[in-house]
C-alpha atoms as a PDB file:
ATOM      1  CA  MET A   1      36.354  39.490 -17.541  1.00  0.00           C
ATOM      2  CA  GLY A   2      37.959  40.570 -14.350  1.00  0.00           C
ATOM      3  CA  CYS A   3      41.664  40.433 -13.613  1.00  0.00           C
ATOM      4  CA  PRO A   4      42.748  37.751 -11.172  1.00  0.00           C
ATOM      5  CA  HIS A   5      44.000  38.889  -7.778  1.00  0.00           C
ATOM      6  CA  MET A   6      47.722  39.297  -7.750  1.00  0.00           C
ATOM      7  CA  TRP A   7      49.477  37.778  -4.653  1.00  0.00           C
ATOM      8  CA  ARG A   8      52.873  39.021  -3.723  1.00  0.00           C
ATOM      9  CA  ARG A   9      55.040  36.717  -1.688  1.00  0.00           C
ATOM     10  CA  GLY A  10      58.340  37.469   0.069  1.00  0.00           C
ATOM     11  CA  THR A  11      60.604  36.586   2.985  1.00  0.00           C
ATOM     12  CA  SER A  12      62.250  38.596   5.695  1.00  0.00           C
ATOM     13  CA  GLY A  13      65.128  37.679   8.018  1.00  0.00           C
ATOM     14  CA  ILE A  14      66.958  38.938  11.055  1.00  0.00           C
ATOM     15  CA  ASP A  15      70.694  38.445  11.420  1.00  0.00           C
ATOM     16  CA  ILE A  16      72.081  38.021  14.951  1.00  0.00           C
ATOM     17  CA  ASP A  17      75.814  38.000  15.538  1.00  0.00           C
ATOM     18  CA  LEU A  18      76.186  35.015  17.891  1.00  0.00           C
ATOM     19  CA  ARG A  19      79.838  35.764  18.322  1.00  0.00           C
ATOM     20  CA  ARG A  20      78.796  38.288  20.908  1.00  0.00           C
ATOM     21  CA  VAL A  21      76.528  35.861  22.797  1.00  0.00           C
ATOM     22  CA  ASP A  22      78.261  34.002  25.602  1.00  0.00           C
ATOM     23  CA  ILE A  23      77.533  30.385  26.448  1.00  0.00           C
ATOM     24  CA  ASP A  24      77.423  29.549  30.142  1.00  0.00           C
ATOM     25  CA  GLN A  25      77.949  25.793  30.496  1.00  0.00           C
ATOM     26  CA  CYS A  26      78.405  25.865  34.258  1.00  0.00           C
ATOM     27  CA  PRO A  27      75.632  24.447  36.484  1.00  0.00           C
ATOM     28  CA  LEU A  28      73.022  26.847  37.793  1.00  0.00           C
ATOM     29  CA  GLU A  29      73.155  27.795  41.438  1.00  0.00           C
ATOM     30  CA  SER A  30      70.785  26.012  43.767  1.00  0.00           C
ATOM     31  CA  GLY A  31      67.324  27.580  43.607  1.00  0.00           C
ATOM     32  CA  SER A  32      68.064  29.573  40.444  1.00  0.00           C
ATOM     33  CA  LYS A  33      65.146  29.987  38.004  1.00  0.00           C
ATOM     34  CA  GLN A  34      67.285  31.268  35.154  1.00  0.00           C
ATOM     35  CA  LEU A  35      66.588  29.661  31.764  1.00  0.00           C
ATOM     36  CA  ASN A  36      69.844  28.304  30.360  1.00  0.00           C
ATOM     37  CA  ILE A  37      69.735  25.276  28.066  1.00  0.00           C
ATOM     38  CA  PHE A  38      73.530  25.019  28.176  1.00  0.00           C
ATOM     39  CA  ALA A  39      73.736  24.875  31.977  1.00  0.00           C
ATOM     40  CA  GLY A  40      75.492  21.818  33.353  1.00  0.00           C
ATOM     41  CA  THR A  41      77.157  20.828  30.060  1.00  0.00           C
ATOM     42  CA  ASP A  42      80.677  21.572  31.268  1.00  0.00           C
ATOM     43  CA  LYS A  43      83.189  18.727  31.354  1.00  0.00           C
ATOM     44  CA  CYS A  44      84.876  19.567  34.676  1.00  0.00           C
ATOM     45  CA  LYS A  45      85.706  16.611  36.905  1.00  0.00           C
ATOM     46  CA  LYS A  46      83.049  17.242  39.531  1.00  0.00           C
ATOM     47  CA  THR A  47      84.831  15.469  42.388  1.00  0.00           C
ATOM     48  CA  THR A  48      87.836  17.767  42.610  1.00  0.00           C
ATOM     49  CA  THR A  49      87.023  20.747  40.369  1.00  0.00           C
ATOM     50  CA  GLU A  50      84.190  23.189  39.837  1.00  0.00           C
ATOM     51  CA  CYS A  51      83.137  25.219  36.815  1.00  0.00           C
ATOM     52  CA  VAL A  52      83.670  28.975  36.652  1.00  0.00           C
ATOM     53  CA  PRO A  53      82.263  30.753  33.533  1.00  0.00           C
ATOM     54  CA  VAL A  54      84.493  33.067  31.510  1.00  0.00           C
ATOM     55  CA  PRO A  55      82.480  35.905  29.869  1.00  0.00           C
ATOM     56  CA  GLY A  56      83.413  37.586  26.619  1.00  0.00           C
ATOM     57  CA  LEU A  57      84.466  34.498  24.649  1.00  0.00           C
ATOM     58  CA  GLY A  58      81.344  34.408  22.478  1.00  0.00           C
ATOM     59  CA  PHE A  59      79.159  31.586  21.260  1.00  0.00           C
ATOM     60  CA  ARG A  60      81.509  28.627  21.582  1.00  0.00           C
ATOM     61  CA  ARG A  61      82.155  25.640  23.792  1.00  0.00           C
ATOM     62  CA  GLY A  62      84.687  25.718  26.548  1.00  0.00           C
ATOM     63  CA  SER A  63      83.985  29.236  27.771  1.00  0.00           C
ATOM     64  CA  TYR A  64      84.763  28.235  31.335  1.00  0.00           C
ATOM     65  CA  ARG A  65      87.553  27.248  33.659  1.00  0.00           C
ATOM     66  CA  CYS A  66      87.775  24.312  36.025  1.00  0.00           C
ATOM     67  CA  HIS A  67      89.065  25.579  39.360  1.00  0.00           C
ATOM     68  CA  CYS A  68      90.031  23.294  42.222  1.00  0.00           C
ATOM     69  CA  ARG A  69      87.377  22.800  44.861  1.00  0.00           C
ATOM     70  CA  ARG A  70      87.998  23.763  48.460  1.00  0.00           C
ATOM     71  CA  GLY A  71      90.189  21.077  50.004  1.00  0.00           C
ATOM     72  CA  PHE A  72      92.079  20.382  46.760  1.00  0.00           C
ATOM     73  CA  TYR A  73      95.044  22.024  45.031  1.00  0.00           C
ATOM     74  CA  PHE A  74      96.301  22.331  41.450  1.00  0.00           C
ATOM     75  CA  PRO A  75      98.900  19.620  40.701  1.00  0.00           C
ATOM     76  CA  ASN A  76     101.342  22.035  39.060  1.00  0.00           C
ATOM     77  CA  THR A  77     102.072  24.262  42.034  1.00  0.00           C
ATOM     78  CA  THR A  78     104.460  26.442  40.007  1.00  0.00           C
ATOM     79  CA  ALA A  79     101.952  27.232  37.257  1.00  0.00           C
ATOM     80  CA  PRO A  80     100.987  30.933  37.056  1.00  0.00           C
ATOM     81  CA  ALA A  81      97.367  29.995  36.300  1.00  0.00           C
ATOM     82  CA  ARG A  82      96.136  27.245  38.576  1.00  0.00           C
ATOM     83  CA  TYR A  83      93.086  26.045  36.709  1.00  0.00           C
ATOM     84  CA  TYR A  84      92.133  23.997  33.643  1.00  0.00           C
ATOM     85  CA  ASN A  85      90.915  25.764  30.499  1.00  0.00           C
ATOM     86  CA  GLY A  86      87.504  24.630  29.341  1.00  0.00           C
ATOM     87  CA  SER A  87      88.573  24.687  25.669  1.00  0.00           C
ATOM     88  CA  ASP A  88      91.356  22.185  26.381  1.00  0.00           C
ATOM     89  CA  ILE A  89      88.983  19.962  28.318  1.00  0.00           C
ATOM     90  CA  GLU A  90      86.373  20.030  25.541  1.00  0.00           C
ATOM     91  CA  GLU A  91      89.008  19.057  22.983  1.00  0.00           C
ATOM     92  CA  GLU A  92      90.245  16.132  25.061  1.00  0.00           C
ATOM     93  CA  TYR A  93      86.667  15.085  25.785  1.00  0.00           C
ATOM     94  CA  GLU A  94      85.982  14.829  22.024  1.00  0.00           C
ATOM     95  CA  LYS A  95      88.962  12.496  21.725  1.00  0.00           C
ATOM     96  CA  HIS A  96      87.605  10.491  24.636  1.00  0.00           C
ATOM     97  CA  LEU A  97      84.241  10.055  22.877  1.00  0.00           C
ATOM     98  CA  SER A  98      86.046   9.019  19.673  1.00  0.00           C
ATOM     99  CA  MET A  99      87.898   6.286  21.604  1.00  0.00           C
ATOM    100  CA  GLN A 100      91.190   8.033  20.933  1.00  0.00           C
ATOM    101  CA  SER A 101      94.030   8.450  23.361  1.00  0.00           C
ATOM    102  CA  SER A 102      92.937  11.299  25.575  1.00  0.00           C
ATOM    103  CA  LEU A 103      94.158  12.949  28.731  1.00  0.00           C
ATOM    104  CA  TYR A 104      90.529  13.122  29.855  1.00  0.00           C
ATOM    105  CA  SER A 105      90.439   9.318  30.106  1.00  0.00           C
ATOM    106  CA  THR A 106      93.336   9.097  32.550  1.00  0.00           C
ATOM    107  CA  ALA A 107      92.717   8.887  36.284  1.00  0.00           C
ATOM    108  CA  SER A 108      94.587  12.117  37.033  1.00  0.00           C
ATOM    109  CA  GLY A 109      93.562  14.005  33.914  1.00  0.00           C
ATOM    110  CA  PHE A 110      92.156  17.450  34.705  1.00  0.00           C
ATOM    111  CA  GLU A 111      91.912  16.505  38.386  1.00  0.00           C
ATOM    112  CA  CYS A 112      93.105  18.370  41.471  1.00  0.00           C
ATOM    113  CA  MET A 113      95.021  16.781  44.319  1.00  0.00           C
ATOM    114  CA  PRO A 114      93.534  16.484  47.813  1.00  0.00           C
ATOM    115  CA  CYS A 115      95.014  18.673  50.521  1.00  0.00           C
ATOM    116  CA  ALA A 116      96.943  17.125  53.368  1.00  0.00           C
ATOM    117  CA  GLU A 117      94.990  15.813  56.347  1.00  0.00           C
ATOM    118  CA  GLY A 118      93.465  18.556  58.449  1.00  0.00           C
ATOM    119  CA  CYS A 119      93.724  21.267  55.761  1.00  0.00           C
ATOM    120  CA  ASP A 120      90.547  23.168  54.951  1.00  0.00           C
ATOM    121  CA  ALA A 121      92.198  24.818  51.946  1.00  0.00           C
ATOM    122  CA  CYS A 122      95.698  24.677  50.529  1.00  0.00           C
ATOM    123  CA  ASP A 123      97.988  25.715  47.674  1.00  0.00           C
ATOM    124  CA  ASP A 124     100.114  22.572  47.728  1.00  0.00           C
ATOM    125  CA  GLY A 125     100.529  19.312  49.609  1.00  0.00           C
ATOM    126  CA  SER A 126     102.190  20.851  52.658  1.00  0.00           C
ATOM    127  CA  PRO A 127     100.939  19.425  55.977  1.00  0.00           C
ATOM    128  CA  CYS A 128      98.530  21.392  58.140  1.00  0.00           C
ATOM    129  CA  VAL A 129      98.669  19.032  61.129  1.00  0.00           C
ATOM    130  CA  ALA A 130     101.728  18.765  63.331  1.00  0.00           C
ATOM    131  CA  ALA A 131     103.356  15.390  62.835  1.00  0.00           C
ATOM    132  CA  LEU A 132     103.399  13.218  65.937  1.00  0.00           C
ATOM    133  CA  ASN A 133     106.797  12.314  67.322  1.00  0.00           C
ATOM    134  CA  TRP A 134     106.260   8.588  67.052  1.00  0.00           C
ATOM    135  CA  VAL A 135     109.696   7.773  68.475  1.00  0.00           C
ATOM    136  CA  VAL A 136     108.959   9.539  71.756  1.00  0.00           C
ATOM    137  CA  ARG A 137     105.343   8.333  71.856  1.00  0.00           C
ATOM    138  CA  THR A 138     106.372   4.759  71.164  1.00  0.00           C
ATOM    139  CA  THR A 139     109.103   4.928  73.811  1.00  0.00           C
ATOM    140  CA  ILE A 140     106.637   6.157  76.446  1.00  0.00           C
ATOM    141  CA  PHE A 141     104.085   3.617  75.250  1.00  0.00           C
ATOM    142  CA  ALA A 142     106.651   0.808  75.555  1.00  0.00           C
ATOM    143  CA  LEU A 143     107.685   1.919  79.051  1.00  0.00           C
ATOM    144  CA  ALA A 144     104.056   2.041  80.149  1.00  0.00           C
ATOM    145  CA  CYS A 145     103.488  -1.436  78.709  1.00  0.00           C
ATOM    146  CA  LEU A 146     106.596  -2.654  80.532  1.00  0.00           C
ATOM    147  CA  VAL A 147     105.328  -1.328  83.856  1.00  0.00           C
ATOM    148  CA  ILE A 148     101.848  -2.718  83.211  1.00  0.00           C
ATOM    149  CA  SER A 149     103.317  -6.121  82.361  1.00  0.00           C
ATOM    150  CA  CYS A 150     105.036  -6.137  85.765  1.00  0.00           C
ATOM    151  CA  LEU A 151     101.803  -5.482  87.671  1.00  0.00           C
ATOM    152  CA  PRO A 152     100.428  -9.042  87.285  1.00  0.00           C
ATOM    153  CA  ILE A 153     103.720 -10.295  88.727  1.00  0.00           C
ATOM    154  CA  ILE A 154     103.154  -8.126  91.790  1.00  0.00           C
ATOM    155  CA  VAL A 155      99.630  -9.481  92.163  1.00  0.00           C
ATOM    156  CA  TRP A 156     100.907 -13.044  91.806  1.00  0.00           C
ATOM    157  CA  PHE A 157     103.587 -12.323  94.430  1.00  0.00           C
ATOM    158  CA  THR A 158     101.024 -11.068  96.957  1.00  0.00           C
ATOM    159  CA  ILE A 159      98.938 -14.201  96.386  1.00  0.00           C
ATOM    160  CA  LYS A 160     101.835 -16.645  96.343  1.00  0.00           C
ATOM    161  CA  TYR A 161     103.526 -15.263  99.437  1.00  0.00           C
ATOM    162  CA  GLY A 162     100.498 -13.889 101.227  1.00  0.00           C
ATOM    163  CA  HIS A 163     101.206 -16.205 104.167  1.00  0.00           C
ATOM    164  CA  VAL A 164     104.622 -14.653 104.798  1.00  0.00           C
ATOM    165  CA  ARG A 165     104.613 -12.426 107.857  1.00  0.00           C
ATOM    166  CA  VAL A 166     106.060  -9.379 106.116  1.00  0.00           C
ATOM    167  CA  VAL A 167     103.632  -9.646 103.196  1.00  0.00           C
ATOM    168  CA  ARG A 168     100.657 -10.146 105.494  1.00  0.00           C
ATOM    169  CA  ALA A 169     101.681  -7.088 107.485  1.00  0.00           C
ATOM    170  CA  ALA A 170     101.675  -5.040 104.278  1.00  0.00           C
ATOM    171  CA  SER A 171      98.012  -5.903 103.597  1.00  0.00           C
ATOM    172  CA  PRO A 172      98.141  -7.931 100.343  1.00  0.00           C
ATOM    173  CA  ALA A 173      94.545  -7.098  99.494  1.00  0.00           C
ATOM    174  CA  LEU A 174      95.212  -3.391  99.586  1.00  0.00           C
ATOM    175  CA  LEU A 175      98.403  -3.887  97.613  1.00  0.00           C
ATOM    176  CA  ARG A 176      96.377  -5.426  94.836  1.00  0.00           C
ATOM    177  CA  VAL A 177      93.989  -2.471  94.922  1.00  0.00           C
ATOM    178  CA  ILE A 178      96.953  -0.137  94.487  1.00  0.00           C
ATOM    179  CA  VAL A 179      98.073  -2.153  91.470  1.00  0.00           C
ATOM    180  CA  LEU A 180      94.591  -1.844  89.969  1.00  0.00           C
ATOM    181  CA  GLY A 181      94.602   1.924  90.465  1.00  0.00           C
ATOM    182  CA  ALA A 182      98.055   2.228  88.924  1.00  0.00           C
ATOM    183  CA  LEU A 183      96.845   0.200  85.944  1.00  0.00           C
ATOM    184  CA  LEU A 184      93.990   2.621  85.325  1.00  0.00           C
ATOM    185  CA  ILE A 185      96.222   5.660  85.573  1.00  0.00           C
ATOM    186  CA  TYR A 186      98.828   4.234  83.212  1.00  0.00           C
ATOM    187  CA  CYS A 187      96.101   3.271  80.767  1.00  0.00           C
ATOM    188  CA  THR A 188      95.442   6.982  80.252  1.00  0.00           C
ATOM    189  CA  THR A 189      98.734   7.015  78.349  1.00  0.00           C
ATOM    190  CA  LEU A 190      97.590   4.117  76.187  1.00  0.00           C
ATOM    191  CA  VAL A 191      94.281   5.668  75.169  1.00  0.00           C
ATOM    192  CA  MET A 192      96.007   8.905  74.167  1.00  0.00           C
ATOM    193  CA  TYR A 193      98.493   7.169  71.866  1.00  0.00           C
ATOM    194  CA  ALA A 194      96.190   7.665  68.888  1.00  0.00           C
ATOM    195  CA  ARG A 195      94.572  10.853  67.663  1.00  0.00           C
ATOM    196  CA  PRO A 196      92.328  12.448  70.329  1.00  0.00           C
ATOM    197  CA  SER A 197      88.598  11.896  70.094  1.00  0.00           C
ATOM    198  CA  VAL A 198      85.630  12.477  72.388  1.00  0.00           C
ATOM    199  CA  LEU A 199      85.743   8.831  73.435  1.00  0.00           C
ATOM    200  CA  THR A 200      89.471   8.771  74.229  1.00  0.00           C
ATOM    201  CA  CYS A 201      89.317  12.108  76.044  1.00  0.00           C
ATOM    202  CA  THR A 202      86.436  10.807  78.167  1.00  0.00           C
ATOM    203  CA  ALA A 203      88.255   7.538  78.828  1.00  0.00           C
ATOM    204  CA  ARG A 204      91.301   9.484  79.957  1.00  0.00           C
ATOM    205  CA  VAL A 205      89.278  11.311  82.623  1.00  0.00           C
ATOM    206  CA  TRP A 206      87.663   8.107  83.885  1.00  0.00           C
ATOM    207  CA  LEU A 207      90.921   6.152  84.007  1.00  0.00           C
ATOM    208  CA  ARG A 208      92.730   8.954  85.791  1.00  0.00           C
ATOM    209  CA  GLU A 209      90.118   9.614  88.454  1.00  0.00           C
ATOM    210  CA  VAL A 210      89.161   6.007  89.219  1.00  0.00           C
ATOM    211  CA  GLY A 211      92.819   4.964  89.177  1.00  0.00           C
ATOM    212  CA  PHE A 212      93.657   7.732  91.635  1.00  0.00           C
ATOM    213  CA  CYS A 213      90.861   6.685  93.987  1.00  0.00           C
ATOM    214  CA  LEU A 214      91.959   3.052  93.923  1.00  0.00           C
ATOM    215  CA  THR A 215      95.681   3.677  94.296  1.00  0.00           C
ATOM    216  CA  TYR A 216      95.767   6.354  96.949  1.00  0.00           C
ATOM    217  CA  GLY A 217      92.663   5.087  98.670  1.00  0.00           C
ATOM    218  CA  ALA A 218      94.354   1.726  99.187  1.00  0.00           C
ATOM    219  CA  LEU A 219      97.586   3.371 100.316  1.00  0.00           C
ATOM    220  CA  MET A 220      95.685   5.455 102.827  1.00  0.00           C
ATOM    221  CA  LEU A 221      93.844   2.416 104.165  1.00  0.00           C
ATOM    222  CA  LYS A 222      97.070   0.431 104.415  1.00  0.00           C
ATOM    223  CA  THR A 223      98.634   3.107 106.559  1.00  0.00           C
ATOM    224  CA  TRP A 224      95.483   3.433 108.647  1.00  0.00           C
ATOM    225  CA  ARG A 225      95.617  -0.206 109.734  1.00  0.00           C
ATOM    226  CA  ALA A 226      98.706  -1.813 111.278  1.00  0.00           C
ATOM    227  CA  ARG A 227      97.837  -5.441 111.990  1.00  0.00           C
ATOM    228  CA  HIS A 228      98.620  -8.719 110.303  1.00  0.00           C
ATOM    229  CA  ILE A 229      95.995  -9.926 107.870  1.00  0.00           C
ATOM    230  CA  GLN A 230      95.148 -13.426 106.814  1.00  0.00           C
ATOM    231  CA  SER A 231      92.696 -12.849 103.995  1.00  0.00           C
ATOM    232  CA  ILE A 232      93.672 -12.397 100.377  1.00  0.00           C
ATOM    233  CA  GLU A 233      91.433  -9.997  98.484  1.00  0.00           C
ATOM    234  CA  PRO A 234      91.722  -8.543  94.972  1.00  0.00           C
ATOM    235  CA  TYR A 235      93.929  -5.485  95.339  1.00  0.00           C
ATOM    236  CA  ASN A 236      96.884  -4.091  93.422  1.00  0.00           C
ATOM    237  CA  ALA A 237      95.044  -2.965  90.291  1.00  0.00           C
ATOM    238  CA  SER A 238      95.269   0.762  90.891  1.00  0.00           C
ATOM    239  CA  ALA A 239      98.809   0.924  89.522  1.00  0.00           C
ATOM    240  CA  LEU A 240      97.627  -0.955  86.466  1.00  0.00           C
ATOM    241  CA  LEU A 241      94.944   1.658  85.799  1.00  0.00           C
ATOM    242  CA  ILE A 242      97.402   4.501  86.237  1.00  0.00           C
ATOM    243  CA  TYR A 243      99.884   3.008  83.787  1.00  0.00           C
ATOM    244  CA  CYS A 244      97.137   2.413  81.234  1.00  0.00           C
ATOM    245  CA  THR A 245      96.703   6.177  80.896  1.00  0.00           C
ATOM    246  CA  THR A 246     100.061   6.202  79.116  1.00  0.00           C
ATOM    247  CA  LEU A 247      99.074   3.375  76.817  1.00  0.00           C
ATOM    248  CA  VAL A 248      95.777   4.864  75.643  1.00  0.00           C
ATOM    249  CA  MET A 249      97.507   8.144  74.733  1.00  0.00           C
ATOM    250  CA  TYR A 250     100.110   6.449  72.530  1.00  0.00           C
ATOM    251  CA  ALA A 251      98.362   7.164  69.224  1.00  0.00           C
ATOM    252  CA  ARG A 252      96.801  10.380  67.979  1.00  0.00           C
ATOM    253  CA  PRO A 253      94.186  11.667  70.449  1.00  0.00           C
ATOM    254  CA  SER A 254      90.553  10.908  69.741  1.00  0.00           C
ATOM    255  CA  VAL A 255      87.288  11.169  71.640  1.00  0.00           C
ATOM    256  CA  LEU A 256      87.695   7.557  72.741  1.00  0.00           C
ATOM    257  CA  THR A 257      91.267   7.915  73.973  1.00  0.00           C
ATOM    258  CA  CYS A 258      90.608  11.248  75.693  1.00  0.00           C
ATOM    259  CA  THR A 259      87.654   9.748  77.548  1.00  0.00           C
ATOM    260  CA  ALA A 260      89.551   6.585  78.455  1.00  0.00           C
ATOM    261  CA  ARG A 261      92.478   8.614  79.749  1.00  0.00           C
ATOM    262  CA  VAL A 262      90.286  10.584  82.151  1.00  0.00           C
ATOM    263  CA  TRP A 263      88.597   7.448  83.488  1.00  0.00           C
ATOM    264  CA  LEU A 264      91.838   5.510  83.908  1.00  0.00           C
ATOM    265  CA  ARG A 265      93.578   8.415  85.592  1.00  0.00           C
ATOM    266  CA  GLU A 266      90.838   9.263  88.070  1.00  0.00           C
ATOM    267  CA  VAL A 267      89.866   5.707  89.020  1.00  0.00           C
ATOM    268  CA  GLY A 268      93.512   4.660  89.265  1.00  0.00           C
ATOM    269  CA  PHE A 269      94.276   7.659  91.456  1.00  0.00           C
ATOM    270  CA  CYS A 270      91.353   6.898  93.756  1.00  0.00           C
ATOM    271  CA  LEU A 271      92.404   3.273  94.099  1.00  0.00           C
ATOM    272  CA  THR A 272      96.072   3.987  94.738  1.00  0.00           C
ATOM    273  CA  TYR A 273      95.894   6.969  97.056  1.00  0.00           C
ATOM    274  CA  GLY A 274      92.665   5.829  98.631  1.00  0.00           C
ATOM    275  CA  ALA A 275      94.405   2.638  99.718  1.00  0.00           C
ATOM    276  CA  LEU A 276      97.399   4.602 101.012  1.00  0.00           C
ATOM    277  CA  MET A 277      95.152   6.943 102.962  1.00  0.00           C
ATOM    278  CA  LEU A 278      93.186   4.105 104.535  1.00  0.00           C
ATOM    279  CA  LYS A 279      96.373   2.228 105.447  1.00  0.00           C
ATOM    280  CA  THR A 280      97.650   5.336 107.196  1.00  0.00           C
ATOM    281  CA  TRP A 281      94.325   5.768 108.933  1.00  0.00           C
ATOM    282  CA  ARG A 282      94.354   2.171 110.172  1.00  0.00           C
ATOM    283  CA  ILE A 283      97.831   2.535 111.642  1.00  0.00           C
ATOM    284  CA  SER A 284      96.888   5.757 113.391  1.00  0.00           C
ATOM    285  CA  VAL A 285      93.742   4.193 114.855  1.00  0.00           C
ATOM    286  CA  ILE A 286      95.641   1.209 116.222  1.00  0.00           C
ATOM    287  CA  PHE A 287      98.369   3.277 117.812  1.00  0.00           C
ATOM    288  CA  GLN A 288      95.902   5.715 119.343  1.00  0.00           C
ATOM    289  CA  VAL A 289      94.054   2.978 121.275  1.00  0.00           C
ATOM    290  CA  ARG A 290      94.497   3.534 125.026  1.00  0.00           C
ATOM    291  CA  SER A 291      92.653   0.439 126.245  1.00  0.00           C
ATOM    292  CA  ALA A 292      93.923  -3.126 126.402  1.00  0.00           C
ATOM    293  CA  LYS A 293      91.233  -4.262 123.983  1.00  0.00           C
ATOM    294  CA  ALA A 294      92.617  -5.084 120.546  1.00  0.00           C
ATOM    295  CA  VAL A 295      91.328  -3.068 117.623  1.00  0.00           C
ATOM    296  CA  LYS A 296      90.557  -5.182 114.583  1.00  0.00           C
ATOM    297  CA  ILE A 297      90.063  -3.466 111.262  1.00  0.00           C
ATOM    298  CA  SER A 298      89.695  -6.069 108.550  1.00  0.00           C
ATOM    299  CA  ASP A 299      90.685  -5.783 104.923  1.00  0.00           C
ATOM    300  CA  MET A 300      87.054  -6.087 103.871  1.00  0.00           C
ATOM    301  CA  TYR A 301      86.230  -3.059 105.980  1.00  0.00           C
ATOM    302  CA  LEU A 302      88.973  -1.092 104.271  1.00  0.00           C
ATOM    303  CA  LEU A 303      87.912  -2.373 100.849  1.00  0.00           C
ATOM    304  CA  ARG A 304      84.388  -1.157 101.506  1.00  0.00           C
ATOM    305  CA  ARG A 305      85.811   2.254 102.312  1.00  0.00           C
ATOM    306  CA  ILE A 306      87.766   2.192  99.033  1.00  0.00           C
ATOM    307  CA  GLY A 307      84.584   1.163  97.250  1.00  0.00           C
ATOM    308  CA  ILE A 308      82.872   4.280  98.607  1.00  0.00           C
ATOM    309  CA  ILE A 309      85.748   6.472  97.401  1.00  0.00           C
ATOM    310  CA  VAL A 310      85.742   4.908  93.945  1.00  0.00           C
ATOM    311  CA  GLY A 311      81.940   5.004  93.813  1.00  0.00           C
ATOM    312  CA  VAL A 312      81.869   8.743  94.476  1.00  0.00           C
ATOM    313  CA  ALA A 313      84.519   9.260  91.799  1.00  0.00           C
ATOM    314  CA  CYS A 314      82.545   7.144  89.309  1.00  0.00           C
ATOM    315  CA  VAL A 315      79.369   9.122  89.976  1.00  0.00           C
ATOM    316  CA  LEU A 316      81.242  12.350  89.241  1.00  0.00           C
ATOM    317  CA  LEU A 317      82.770  10.791  86.122  1.00  0.00           C
ATOM    318  CA  VAL A 318      79.373   9.635  84.859  1.00  0.00           C
ATOM    319  CA  ILE A 319      77.973  13.131  85.367  1.00  0.00           C
ATOM    320  CA  ARG A 320      80.948  14.661  83.575  1.00  0.00           C
ATOM    321  CA  THR A 321      80.737  12.142  80.702  1.00  0.00           C
ATOM    322  CA  LEU A 322      77.030  12.815  80.188  1.00  0.00           C
ATOM    323  CA  VAL A 323      77.030  16.581  80.726  1.00  0.00           C
ATOM    324  CA  ALA A 324      80.360  17.626  79.206  1.00  0.00           C
ATOM    325  CA  PRO A 325      82.231  14.733  77.573  1.00  0.00           C
ATOM    326  CA  PRO A 326      85.884  15.443  76.767  1.00  0.00           C
ATOM    327  CA  ALA A 327      86.321  16.886  73.292  1.00  0.00           C
ATOM    328  CA  VAL A 328      89.202  17.036  70.859  1.00  0.00           C
ATOM    329  CA  ILE A 329      90.423  20.561  70.171  1.00  0.00           C
ATOM    330  CA  VAL A 330      92.757  21.798  67.464  1.00  0.00           C
ATOM    331  CA  GLY A 331      95.787  23.656  68.729  1.00  0.00           C
ATOM    332  CA  ARG A 332      98.494  25.438  66.766  1.00  0.00           C
ATOM    333  CA  THR A 333     102.249  24.981  66.904  1.00  0.00           C
ATOM    334  CA  LYS A 334     104.758  27.797  66.447  1.00  0.00           C
ATOM    335  CA  ASP A 335     104.878  26.793  62.756  1.00  0.00           C
ATOM    336  CA  ASN A 336     101.081  27.290  62.541  1.00  0.00           C
ATOM    337  CA  LEU A 337     100.488  23.555  62.165  1.00  0.00           C
ATOM    338  CA  LYS A 338      97.406  21.967  63.644  1.00  0.00           C
ATOM    339  CA  ALA A 339      97.731  19.676  66.656  1.00  0.00           C
ATOM    340  CA  TYR A 340      94.867  17.553  67.996  1.00  0.00           C
ATOM    341  CA  LEU A 341      94.584  17.688  71.789  1.00  0.00           C
ATOM    342  CA  CYS A 342      92.179  16.638  74.503  1.00  0.00           C
ATOM    343  CA  ASN A 343      90.638  19.740  76.012  1.00  0.00           C
ATOM    344  CA  SER A 344      90.917  20.566  79.703  1.00  0.00           C
ATOM    345  CA  ASP A 345      87.997  22.378  81.262  1.00  0.00           C
ATOM    346  CA  TRP A 346      86.784  23.222  84.750  1.00  0.00           C
ATOM    347  CA  TRP A 347      85.794  19.601  85.274  1.00  0.00           C
ATOM    348  CA  ASP A 348      89.459  18.598  85.096  1.00  0.00           C
ATOM    349  CA  HIS A 349      90.410  21.490  87.358  1.00  0.00           C
ATOM    350  CA  SER A 350      87.749  20.460  89.872  1.00  0.00           C
ATOM    351  CA  PHE A 351      89.038  16.870  89.883  1.00  0.00           C
ATOM    352  CA  THR A 352      92.566  18.153  90.507  1.00  0.00           C
ATOM    353  CA  THR A 353      91.349  20.407  93.313  1.00  0.00           C
ATOM    354  CA  ARG A 354      89.493  17.479  94.871  1.00  0.00           C
ATOM    355  CA  LYS A 355      92.707  15.457  94.907  1.00  0.00           C
ATOM    356  CA  TYR A 356      94.589  18.179  96.751  1.00  0.00           C
ATOM    357  CA  LEU A 357      91.775  18.705  99.227  1.00  0.00           C
ATOM    358  CA  GLY A 358      91.439  14.958  99.725  1.00  0.00           C
END
């Protein structure tokens, strides 16, 4: 009789000291292929903080810190360590799950505060943007509005008393063109009242150039002709455009206000000084006539000339708006605070040169 086979059974084990194994609960970087089952289990408030792992703490929860994200700062600005400990957050989170009173449940618990407007990064809530002097801006804005409010009265006066000899001799139609140009130029102040933007910077150029063409174009035409006129044509708007440049720049500059300021200034200038130039030209033509035949230069003829001046200015403004629209730049004060401004480039310099040459 044979002996049965004897089976020997046993167990073996391996002991691993997990106290020396770190847990990384922070999210993996984008594109990382690392295998980490604990990744993304941190309890940092994702909106204002980000997880930073702390090595050497062993196999336990909370081996991380919640640092403030860029654009936020730690609420306790006097604290030597400006971050939240992961162990404290994990403890409060357990209370939160147990429906107990927990700091994690509060709106500001373990959150960072947003930096002041215009700050890319900060250590506290100090401003990074220069504060606008609203008293001065509002005063200028109010004065511009006061002048603009008087322009319709001037237009009404030229219409109401257009039959009076003195008013007719002053060319009421061209007077109204000057008012229109002044309106555009003053509107450049209005569009720049707010924060500069591409739109406001572009508007500033258009208002300035068209207003200049209307105002000084009408003044030139008024001087160019020296006869009594009977017709009443739309006219004194150049001053209105010029004054609007002040109104649009009342608030903080923006693209809209910078654009509006340019348009109001240029169109208002063209209207105002175009009218002045044509008036001067008309007077000179009349007084230079050597024959007995009367020289008649009608208001409509002068208005067509102003239209050409304004049209050329508008074409240049359209090209400038499409090719290189005004932009808002960030300047620095002596205190290193940011200030939003409408940029000035060679387009603005060329418009200024054109005015002097004109």
